[in-house]
C-alpha atoms as a PDB file:
ATOM      1  CA  MET A   1      98.756  76.466 128.695  1.00  0.00           C
ATOM      2  CA  LEU A   2      98.596  74.277 132.143  1.00  0.00           C
ATOM      3  CA  LEU A   3     101.066  71.655 132.418  1.00  0.00           C
ATOM      4  CA  GLY A   4      99.043  68.442 133.657  1.00  0.00           C
ATOM      5  CA  TYR A   5      99.236  64.928 133.995  1.00  0.00           C
ATOM      6  CA  HIS A   6      96.777  61.950 134.006  1.00  0.00           C
ATOM      7  CA  THR A   7      95.781  59.981 136.855  1.00  0.00           C
ATOM      8  CA  ASN A   8      95.684  56.741 134.616  1.00  0.00           C
ATOM      9  CA  SER A   9      99.464  57.313 134.989  1.00  0.00           C
ATOM     10  CA  LEU A  10      99.431  56.922 138.582  1.00  0.00           C
ATOM     11  CA  GLN A  11      97.450  54.052 139.144  1.00  0.00           C
ATOM     12  CA  ASN A  12      99.927  52.620 141.973  1.00  0.00           C
ATOM     13  CA  HIS A  13      99.616  55.955 144.145  1.00  0.00           C
ATOM     14  CA  ARG A  14      96.783  56.429 146.276  1.00  0.00           C
ATOM     15  CA  LEU A  15      94.967  59.528 144.709  1.00  0.00           C
ATOM     16  CA  GLU A  16      95.442  61.981 147.216  1.00  0.00           C
ATOM     17  CA  GLU A  17      99.292  61.165 147.391  1.00  0.00           C
ATOM     18  CA  GLY A  18      99.527  61.341 143.617  1.00  0.00           C
ATOM     19  CA  LEU A  19      97.996  64.593 143.106  1.00  0.00           C
ATOM     20  CA  GLN A  20     100.613  65.782 145.774  1.00  0.00           C
ATOM     21  CA  LEU A  21     103.199  64.414 143.846  1.00  0.00           C
ATOM     22  CA  LEU A  22     102.192  66.669 140.616  1.00  0.00           C
ATOM     23  CA  SER A  23     102.025  69.670 143.091  1.00  0.00           C
ATOM     24  CA  GLU A  24     105.374  69.256 143.996  1.00  0.00           C
ATOM     25  CA  TYR A  25     106.792  69.517 140.596  1.00  0.00           C
ATOM     26  CA  GLY A  26     104.830  72.128 139.581  1.00  0.00           C
ATOM     27  CA  TYR A  27     101.739  70.813 137.754  1.00  0.00           C
ATOM     28  CA  ARG A  28      98.991  72.894 137.259  1.00  0.00           C
ATOM     29  CA  ALA A  29      96.289  70.638 135.990  1.00  0.00           C
ATOM     30  CA  VAL A  30      95.132  66.799 136.250  1.00  0.00           C
ATOM     31  CA  ALA A  31      93.072  64.786 133.774  1.00  0.00           C
ATOM     32  CA  ILE A  32      90.880  62.581 136.018  1.00  0.00           C
ATOM     33  CA  THR A  33      89.900  59.020 134.843  1.00  0.00           C
ATOM     34  CA  PRO A  34      87.365  57.600 137.084  1.00  0.00           C
ATOM     35  CA  ASP A  35      88.262  53.676 137.236  1.00  0.00           C
ATOM     36  CA  THR A  36      88.504  50.750 139.862  1.00  0.00           C
ATOM     37  CA  CYS A  37      91.651  52.422 141.518  1.00  0.00           C
ATOM     38  CA  HIS A  38      90.874  56.020 141.848  1.00  0.00           C
ATOM     39  CA  LEU A  39      86.845  57.575 142.198  1.00  0.00           C
ATOM     40  CA  ASP A  40      85.014  54.304 141.261  1.00  0.00           C
ATOM     41  CA  PRO A  41      82.081  56.096 139.754  1.00  0.00           C
ATOM     42  CA  ALA A  42      79.921  53.292 141.311  1.00  0.00           C
ATOM     43  CA  GLN A  43      81.228  53.736 144.862  1.00  0.00           C
ATOM     44  CA  THR A  44      82.664  57.406 145.230  1.00  0.00           C
ATOM     45  CA  GLU A  45      80.038  59.606 147.108  1.00  0.00           C
ATOM     46  CA  ASP A  46      79.470  63.306 146.904  1.00  0.00           C
ATOM     47  CA  ASP A  47      81.143  64.172 149.879  1.00  0.00           C
ATOM     48  CA  VAL A  48      84.430  62.536 148.714  1.00  0.00           C
ATOM     49  CA  LEU A  49      84.124  64.337 145.579  1.00  0.00           C
ATOM     50  CA  ASP A  50      83.488  68.032 147.385  1.00  0.00           C
ATOM     51  CA  GLN A  51      86.509  67.128 149.753  1.00  0.00           C
ATOM     52  CA  LEU A  52      88.603  66.356 146.588  1.00  0.00           C
ATOM     53  CA  ARG A  53      87.442  69.575 144.995  1.00  0.00           C
ATOM     54  CA  SER A  54      88.545  71.490 147.915  1.00  0.00           C
ATOM     55  CA  ARG A  55      91.987  69.801 147.680  1.00  0.00           C
ATOM     56  CA  LEU A  56      92.173  70.453 143.883  1.00  0.00           C
ATOM     57  CA  VAL A  57      91.949  74.066 144.983  1.00  0.00           C
ATOM     58  CA  GLU A  58      94.521  73.999 147.557  1.00  0.00           C
ATOM     59  CA  LEU A  59      97.244  72.037 145.251  1.00  0.00           C
ATOM     60  CA  ARG A  60      96.403  74.543 142.526  1.00  0.00           C
ATOM     61  CA  LEU A  61      95.591  71.761 140.172  1.00  0.00           C
ATOM     62  CA  HIS A  62      92.701  72.416 137.508  1.00  0.00           C
ATOM     63  CA  PRO A  63      90.465  69.482 136.782  1.00  0.00           C
ATOM     64  CA  VAL A  64      89.692  67.800 133.443  1.00  0.00           C
ATOM     65  CA  MET A  65      87.620  64.733 133.029  1.00  0.00           C
ATOM     66  CA  GLU A  66      88.548  61.497 131.274  1.00  0.00           C
ATOM     67  CA  THR A  67      86.647  58.035 130.453  1.00  0.00           C
ATOM     68  CA  GLY A  68      89.047  55.596 129.370  1.00  0.00           C
ATOM     69  CA  ALA A  69      89.264  53.394 132.209  1.00  0.00           C
ATOM     70  CA  ARG A  70      89.835  49.658 130.979  1.00  0.00           C
ATOM     71  CA  TYR A  71      87.763  47.411 132.734  1.00  0.00           C
ATOM     72  CA  LEU A  72      85.491  49.384 134.595  1.00  0.00           C
ATOM     73  CA  LEU A  73      82.444  48.578 132.818  1.00  0.00           C
ATOM     74  CA  ASP A  74      83.337  44.937 131.528  1.00  0.00           C
ATOM     75  CA  PRO A  75      85.983  42.713 133.388  1.00  0.00           C
ATOM     76  CA  ALA A  76      86.937  40.638 130.742  1.00  0.00           C
ATOM     77  CA  VAL A  77      86.786  42.914 127.227  1.00  0.00           C
ATOM     78  CA  LYS A  78      89.243  46.457 127.603  1.00  0.00           C
ATOM     79  CA  HIS A  79      87.088  49.241 127.218  1.00  0.00           C
ATOM     80  CA  GLU A  80      83.990  47.669 126.187  1.00  0.00           C
ATOM     81  CA  PRO A  81      81.116  48.733 125.915  1.00  0.00           C
ATOM     82  CA  THR A  82      81.588  51.310 123.886  1.00  0.00           C
ATOM     83  CA  LEU A  83      79.508  53.778 121.404  1.00  0.00           C
ATOM     84  CA  MET A  84      80.313  51.229 118.696  1.00  0.00           C
ATOM     85  CA  THR A  85      79.079  48.073 120.775  1.00  0.00           C
ATOM     86  CA  ALA A  86      76.518  46.157 118.620  1.00  0.00           C
ATOM     87  CA  ASP A  87      74.131  45.569 121.697  1.00  0.00           C
ATOM     88  CA  ALA A  88      72.153  48.991 122.216  1.00  0.00           C
ATOM     89  CA  ALA A  89      71.861  48.076 125.955  1.00  0.00           C
ATOM     90  CA  GLY A  90      75.832  48.373 125.767  1.00  0.00           C
ATOM     91  CA  VAL A  91      75.683  51.145 124.375  1.00  0.00           C
ATOM     92  CA  GLU A  92      73.457  52.982 126.985  1.00  0.00           C
ATOM     93  CA  ARG A  93      75.487  51.520 130.003  1.00  0.00           C
ATOM     94  CA  ARG A  94      78.617  53.574 128.112  1.00  0.00           C
ATOM     95  CA  VAL A  95      76.416  56.744 127.797  1.00  0.00           C
ATOM     96  CA  ALA A  96      75.270  56.669 131.258  1.00  0.00           C
ATOM     97  CA  PHE A  97      79.150  56.537 132.271  1.00  0.00           C
ATOM     98  CA  TYR A  98      79.670  59.715 130.621  1.00  0.00           C
ATOM     99  CA  ARG A  99      76.460  61.371 131.954  1.00  0.00           C
ATOM    100  CA  ARG A 100      78.014  59.865 135.616  1.00  0.00           C
ATOM    101  CA  VAL A 101      81.479  61.233 134.944  1.00  0.00           C
ATOM    102  CA  ALA A 102      79.908  64.545 133.890  1.00  0.00           C
ATOM    103  CA  GLU A 103      78.131  64.362 137.413  1.00  0.00           C
ATOM    104  CA  MET A 104      81.502  63.702 139.182  1.00  0.00           C
ATOM    105  CA  GLY A 105      83.174  66.625 136.916  1.00  0.00           C
ATOM    106  CA  GLN A 106      80.559  69.011 137.858  1.00  0.00           C
ATOM    107  CA  ARG A 107      81.084  68.531 141.586  1.00  0.00           C
ATOM    108  CA  LEU A 108      85.002  68.698 140.985  1.00  0.00           C
ATOM    109  CA  GLY A 109      85.085  72.128 139.174  1.00  0.00           C
ATOM    110  CA  ALA A 110      85.893  70.537 135.934  1.00  0.00           C
ATOM    111  CA  GLU A 111      84.686  72.030 132.786  1.00  0.00           C
ATOM    112  CA  VAL A 112      85.357  69.242 130.003  1.00  0.00           C
ATOM    113  CA  VAL A 113      84.689  65.586 129.622  1.00  0.00           C
ATOM    114  CA  SER A 114      86.735  63.665 127.082  1.00  0.00           C
ATOM    115  CA  PHE A 115      85.500  60.725 125.028  1.00  0.00           C
ATOM    116  CA  TRP A 116      86.111  58.770 121.951  1.00  0.00           C
ATOM    117  CA  ALA A 117      84.184  56.377 119.851  1.00  0.00           C
ATOM    118  CA  GLY A 118      85.292  52.680 120.571  1.00  0.00           C
ATOM    119  CA  VAL A 119      86.229  50.009 118.202  1.00  0.00           C
ATOM    120  CA  ASP A 120      83.651  48.737 115.668  1.00  0.00           C
ATOM    121  CA  ARG A 121      83.770  45.030 116.200  1.00  0.00           C
ATOM    122  CA  THR A 122      81.140  44.059 114.274  1.00  0.00           C
ATOM    123  CA  SER A 123      80.819  43.343 110.083  1.00  0.00           C
ATOM    124  CA  ARG A 124      77.312  45.616 109.908  1.00  0.00           C
ATOM    125  CA  ASP A 125      77.725  48.087 107.234  1.00  0.00           C
ATOM    126  CA  ASP A 126      76.102  51.085 109.430  1.00  0.00           C
ATOM    127  CA  THR A 127      79.453  52.047 111.255  1.00  0.00           C
ATOM    128  CA  TRP A 128      78.609  55.945 110.660  1.00  0.00           C
ATOM    129  CA  SER A 129      75.183  56.014 111.530  1.00  0.00           C
ATOM    130  CA  ARG A 130      75.659  53.963 114.795  1.00  0.00           C
ATOM    131  CA  LEU A 131      78.938  56.225 115.341  1.00  0.00           C
ATOM    132  CA  VAL A 132      76.886  59.661 114.871  1.00  0.00           C
ATOM    133  CA  GLN A 133      73.681  58.575 117.056  1.00  0.00           C
ATOM    134  CA  GLY A 134      76.295  57.169 119.838  1.00  0.00           C
ATOM    135  CA  VAL A 135      78.425  60.873 119.816  1.00  0.00           C
ATOM    136  CA  ALA A 136      75.268  62.665 119.974  1.00  0.00           C
ATOM    137  CA  ALA A 137      73.725  61.116 123.147  1.00  0.00           C
ATOM    138  CA  ALA A 138      77.351  61.072 124.572  1.00  0.00           C
ATOM    139  CA  CYS A 139      77.220  64.892 123.988  1.00  0.00           C
ATOM    140  CA  ALA A 140      73.948  64.978 125.390  1.00  0.00           C
ATOM    141  CA  ALA A 141      74.432  63.516 128.536  1.00  0.00           C
ATOM    142  CA  ILE A 142      77.579  65.278 129.237  1.00  0.00           C
ATOM    143  CA  ARG A 143      76.039  68.184 128.838  1.00  0.00           C
ATOM    144  CA  GLU A 144      73.136  67.569 130.875  1.00  0.00           C
ATOM    145  CA  HIS A 145      75.569  68.484 133.899  1.00  0.00           C
ATOM    146  CA  GLY A 146      76.877  71.959 132.210  1.00  0.00           C
ATOM    147  CA  LEU A 147      79.891  70.269 130.932  1.00  0.00           C
ATOM    148  CA  ARG A 148      81.783  70.697 127.560  1.00  0.00           C
ATOM    149  CA  PRO A 149      81.653  67.245 125.656  1.00  0.00           C
ATOM    150  CA  SER A 150      85.095  66.921 124.061  1.00  0.00           C
ATOM    151  CA  PHE A 151      85.711  64.035 121.543  1.00  0.00           C
ATOM    152  CA  GLU A 152      89.267  62.330 121.148  1.00  0.00           C
ATOM    153  CA  PRO A 153      90.590  60.494 117.781  1.00  0.00           C
ATOM    154  CA  GLU A 154      92.457  57.558 118.823  1.00  0.00           C
ATOM    155  CA  PRO A 155      94.172  55.052 116.443  1.00  0.00           C
ATOM    156  CA  GLY A 156      92.290  51.862 116.017  1.00  0.00           C
ATOM    157  CA  MET A 157      89.070  53.246 116.850  1.00  0.00           C
ATOM    158  CA  ALA A 158      86.076  54.065 114.666  1.00  0.00           C
ATOM    159  CA  VAL A 159      87.438  57.567 114.673  1.00  0.00           C
ATOM    160  CA  GLU A 160      91.212  57.947 114.472  1.00  0.00           C
ATOM    161  CA  THR A 161      92.002  61.181 112.751  1.00  0.00           C
ATOM    162  CA  LEU A 162      91.440  65.030 112.704  1.00  0.00           C
ATOM    163  CA  GLY A 163      89.824  64.336 109.263  1.00  0.00           C
ATOM    164  CA  GLN A 164      87.469  61.994 110.381  1.00  0.00           C
ATOM    165  CA  TYR A 165      86.578  63.952 113.276  1.00  0.00           C
ATOM    166  CA  GLU A 166      86.038  66.978 110.869  1.00  0.00           C
ATOM    167  CA  ARG A 167      83.430  64.990 108.963  1.00  0.00           C
ATOM    168  CA  LEU A 168      81.935  64.002 112.441  1.00  0.00           C
ATOM    169  CA  ARG A 169      81.654  67.380 113.517  1.00  0.00           C
ATOM    170  CA  ASP A 170      79.979  68.637 110.223  1.00  0.00           C
ATOM    171  CA  GLU A 171      77.283  65.764 110.472  1.00  0.00           C
ATOM    172  CA  LEU A 172      76.403  66.949 114.110  1.00  0.00           C
ATOM    173  CA  GLY A 173      76.430  70.885 113.375  1.00  0.00           C
ATOM    174  CA  ASP A 174      75.729  72.513 116.602  1.00  0.00           C
ATOM    175  CA  GLU A 175      75.487  69.460 118.575  1.00  0.00           C
ATOM    176  CA  ALA A 176      79.133  68.341 118.024  1.00  0.00           C
ATOM    177  CA  PRO A 177      81.659  67.776 120.804  1.00  0.00           C
ATOM    178  CA  ALA A 178      84.750  70.044 120.860  1.00  0.00           C
ATOM    179  CA  LEU A 179      88.262  68.134 120.139  1.00  0.00           C
ATOM    180  CA  THR A 180      90.593  66.492 122.610  1.00  0.00           C
ATOM    181  CA  LEU A 181      93.731  66.373 120.151  1.00  0.00           C
ATOM    182  CA  ASP A 182      96.572  63.480 121.539  1.00  0.00           C
ATOM    183  CA  VAL A 183      99.655  64.891 120.067  1.00  0.00           C
ATOM    184  CA  GLY A 184     101.138  61.428 119.959  1.00  0.00           C
ATOM    185  CA  HIS A 185      98.417  60.000 117.986  1.00  0.00           C
ATOM    186  CA  LEU A 186      99.457  62.740 115.379  1.00  0.00           C
ATOM    187  CA  TYR A 187     102.323  60.327 114.855  1.00  0.00           C
ATOM    188  CA  ALA A 188     100.458  57.097 115.270  1.00  0.00           C
ATOM    189  CA  ALA A 189      97.942  57.750 112.823  1.00  0.00           C
ATOM    190  CA  TRP A 190     100.130  60.034 110.093  1.00  0.00           C
ATOM    191  CA  GLU A 191      98.147  63.177 108.400  1.00  0.00           C
ATOM    192  CA  GLY A 192     101.290  65.019 107.741  1.00  0.00           C
ATOM    193  CA  ASP A 193     103.219  67.737 109.582  1.00  0.00           C
ATOM    194  CA  PRO A 194     101.954  67.582 113.227  1.00  0.00           C
ATOM    195  CA  ALA A 195     102.205  71.371 113.367  1.00  0.00           C
ATOM    196  CA  ASP A 196      99.947  71.840 110.344  1.00  0.00           C
ATOM    197  CA  VAL A 197      97.145  69.345 112.097  1.00  0.00           C
ATOM    198  CA  ILE A 198      97.047  71.590 115.312  1.00  0.00           C
ATOM    199  CA  ALA A 199      96.700  74.519 113.616  1.00  0.00           C
ATOM    200  CA  ARG A 200      93.839  72.885 111.417  1.00  0.00           C
ATOM    201  CA  ALA A 201      92.226  71.589 114.863  1.00  0.00           C
ATOM    202  CA  ALA A 202      92.588  75.018 116.800  1.00  0.00           C
ATOM    203  CA  PRO A 203      89.749  76.035 116.726  1.00  0.00           C
ATOM    204  CA  HIS A 204      88.080  73.199 118.443  1.00  0.00           C
ATOM    205  CA  LEU A 205      90.461  72.731 120.833  1.00  0.00           C
ATOM    206  CA  ALA A 206      89.171  71.908 124.453  1.00  0.00           C
ATOM    207  CA  GLN A 207      91.963  69.537 125.792  1.00  0.00           C
ATOM    208  CA  VAL A 208      95.620  68.375 124.668  1.00  0.00           C
ATOM    209  CA  HIS A 209      97.238  65.246 125.655  1.00  0.00           C
ATOM    210  CA  LEU A 210     101.083  64.667 125.313  1.00  0.00           C
ATOM    211  CA  GLU A 211     103.294  62.115 125.514  1.00  0.00           C
ATOM    212  CA  ASP A 212     105.945  60.763 123.004  1.00  0.00           C
ATOM    213  CA  HIS A 213     105.532  58.466 119.997  1.00  0.00           C
ATOM    214  CA  ARG A 214     107.126  56.686 117.075  1.00  0.00           C
ATOM    215  CA  ARG A 215     105.667  57.614 113.799  1.00  0.00           C
ATOM    216  CA  GLY A 216     103.093  54.622 112.625  1.00  0.00           C
ATOM    217  CA  VAL A 217     103.094  53.135 116.077  1.00  0.00           C
ATOM    218  CA  HIS A 218     100.735  53.602 118.760  1.00  0.00           C
ATOM    219  CA  GLU A 219     102.618  53.273 121.890  1.00  0.00           C
ATOM    220  CA  HIS A 220     102.866  55.899 124.771  1.00  0.00           C
ATOM    221  CA  LEU A 221     106.653  56.491 125.248  1.00  0.00           C
ATOM    222  CA  LEU A 222     108.619  58.570 128.013  1.00  0.00           C
ATOM    223  CA  PRO A 223     109.994  61.867 126.509  1.00  0.00           C
ATOM    224  CA  GLY A 224     113.259  61.229 124.486  1.00  0.00           C
ATOM    225  CA  GLU A 225     111.978  57.684 123.532  1.00  0.00           C
ATOM    226  CA  GLY A 226     110.463  58.575 120.238  1.00  0.00           C
ATOM    227  CA  GLU A 227     110.044  60.706 117.702  1.00  0.00           C
ATOM    228  CA  VAL A 228     107.675  63.838 118.954  1.00  0.00           C
ATOM    229  CA  ASP A 229     109.187  67.297 118.198  1.00  0.00           C
ATOM    230  CA  PHE A 230     107.793  68.800 121.840  1.00  0.00           C
ATOM    231  CA  SER A 231     109.421  72.200 121.183  1.00  0.00           C
ATOM    232  CA  GLY A 232     107.406  72.618 118.129  1.00  0.00           C
ATOM    233  CA  ILE A 233     104.443  71.093 119.410  1.00  0.00           C
ATOM    234  CA  LEU A 234     104.476  73.842 122.046  1.00  0.00           C
ATOM    235  CA  ALA A 235     105.020  76.766 119.550  1.00  0.00           C
ATOM    236  CA  ALA A 236     102.464  75.242 117.528  1.00  0.00           C
ATOM    237  CA  LEU A 237     100.052  75.185 120.506  1.00  0.00           C
ATOM    238  CA  ARG A 238     101.042  78.832 121.415  1.00  0.00           C
ATOM    239  CA  GLN A 239     100.567  79.688 117.482  1.00  0.00           C
ATOM    240  CA  ALA A 240      97.023  78.318 117.664  1.00  0.00           C
ATOM    241  CA  ALA A 241      96.338  80.647 121.029  1.00  0.00           C
ATOM    242  CA  TYR A 242      95.632  77.239 123.065  1.00  0.00           C
ATOM    243  CA  ALA A 243      95.530  78.040 126.757  1.00  0.00           C
ATOM    244  CA  GLY A 244      94.316  75.001 128.218  1.00  0.00           C
ATOM    245  CA  PRO A 245      95.530  72.102 129.992  1.00  0.00           C
ATOM    246  CA  VAL A 246      98.154  69.690 128.106  1.00  0.00           C
ATOM    247  CA  CYS A 247      98.329  66.307 129.928  1.00  0.00           C
ATOM    248  CA  TRP A 248     100.973  64.124 129.872  1.00  0.00           C
ATOM    249  CA  GLU A 249      99.555  60.587 129.370  1.00  0.00           C
ATOM    250  CA  MET A 250     102.043  57.955 130.656  1.00  0.00           C
ATOM    251  CA  SER A 251      99.638  55.164 131.268  1.00  0.00           C
ATOM    252  CA  ARG A 252     102.032  52.269 130.942  1.00  0.00           C
ATOM    253  CA  HIS A 253     104.159  53.799 133.407  1.00  0.00           C
ATOM    254  CA  SER A 254     102.657  53.985 136.755  1.00  0.00           C
ATOM    255  CA  HIS A 255     105.295  51.441 138.133  1.00  0.00           C
ATOM    256  CA  CYS A 256     107.781  54.359 137.720  1.00  0.00           C
ATOM    257  CA  ALA A 257     105.377  57.475 138.280  1.00  0.00           C
ATOM    258  CA  PRO A 258     107.723  59.486 140.100  1.00  0.00           C
ATOM    259  CA  ASP A 259     110.416  59.252 137.602  1.00  0.00           C
ATOM    260  CA  ALA A 260     108.186  59.711 134.552  1.00  0.00           C
ATOM    261  CA  VAL A 261     106.165  62.854 136.277  1.00  0.00           C
ATOM    262  CA  ARG A 262     109.867  64.504 136.895  1.00  0.00           C
ATOM    263  CA  ARG A 263     111.143  63.670 132.927  1.00  0.00           C
ATOM    264  CA  CYS A 264     107.822  64.849 131.752  1.00  0.00           C
ATOM    265  CA  ARG A 265     108.368  68.203 133.628  1.00  0.00           C
ATOM    266  CA  GLU A 266     111.833  68.573 132.464  1.00  0.00           C
ATOM    267  CA  ALA A 267     110.746  67.779 128.768  1.00  0.00           C
ATOM    268  CA  TRP A 268     107.933  70.699 129.366  1.00  0.00           C
ATOM    269  CA  VAL A 269     110.252  73.199 130.405  1.00  0.00           C
ATOM    270  CA  GLN A 270     113.230  72.243 128.070  1.00  0.00           C
ATOM    271  CA  SER A 271     110.862  72.534 125.101  1.00  0.00           C
ATOM    272  CA  GLY A 272     109.788  75.977 126.193  1.00  0.00           C
ATOM    273  CA  GLY A 273     106.957  75.244 128.248  1.00  0.00           C
ATOM    274  CA  ASP A 274     105.666  77.345 131.317  1.00  0.00           C
ATOM    275  CA  ALA A 275     108.065  76.400 134.469  1.00  0.00           C
ATOM    276  CA  ARG A 276     105.339  78.065 137.050  1.00  0.00           C
END
């Protein structure tokens, strides 16, 4: 497994300086969220991406692409529009964003683009059909650039549990996305022992997020502030033969990023993660 960290947790750092910080602490992966502060998709030129790819190689940081920017598409409403937005033009904007992130990821040397469903804010009874259509369109847009689409269940959204993801996967068949599993979400939306859930998820895993959490509460916490059994989680991931990035997502801790980066690495090593 590759110890990683999210750029959405480095928002008070210039991207280059944030990546340097991760390298100095021995991180080997970075989950890149194109956003207003880092690699704005509407303003970032190809030469910037090419230079960044070279720098990632120098720093030995394996990139994965994330799409959870809060106000990039709508400065007034968090995360909107999404795949669940009632307005078809809004859904098309979201899918176009995924296509653009995949294009950026291809230039950066990434292999995976993570995405989620969004909140269904309508009172309509066609949630499931809109979800399936939206996810299929997102997967197709990401695959246009040769990257692997990976779906993240998110508490409070149209798909928030592994069970719901499994239903979606059954519906889409060969066109289904892989799985981005946020370990903290296994505590926020409890489905049973997280180690057992990881074992179920293992065949589909493409990306893993990590942070501390309390059961029943969706709040990303620094290690030691919640209930996550990190040693047990890493053991379960090894048992599942998962060898990809495991990226700490401390999206509310950019203000203390140097300390958070250090604490997350320490927790990783103390829990049996590779120290290299």
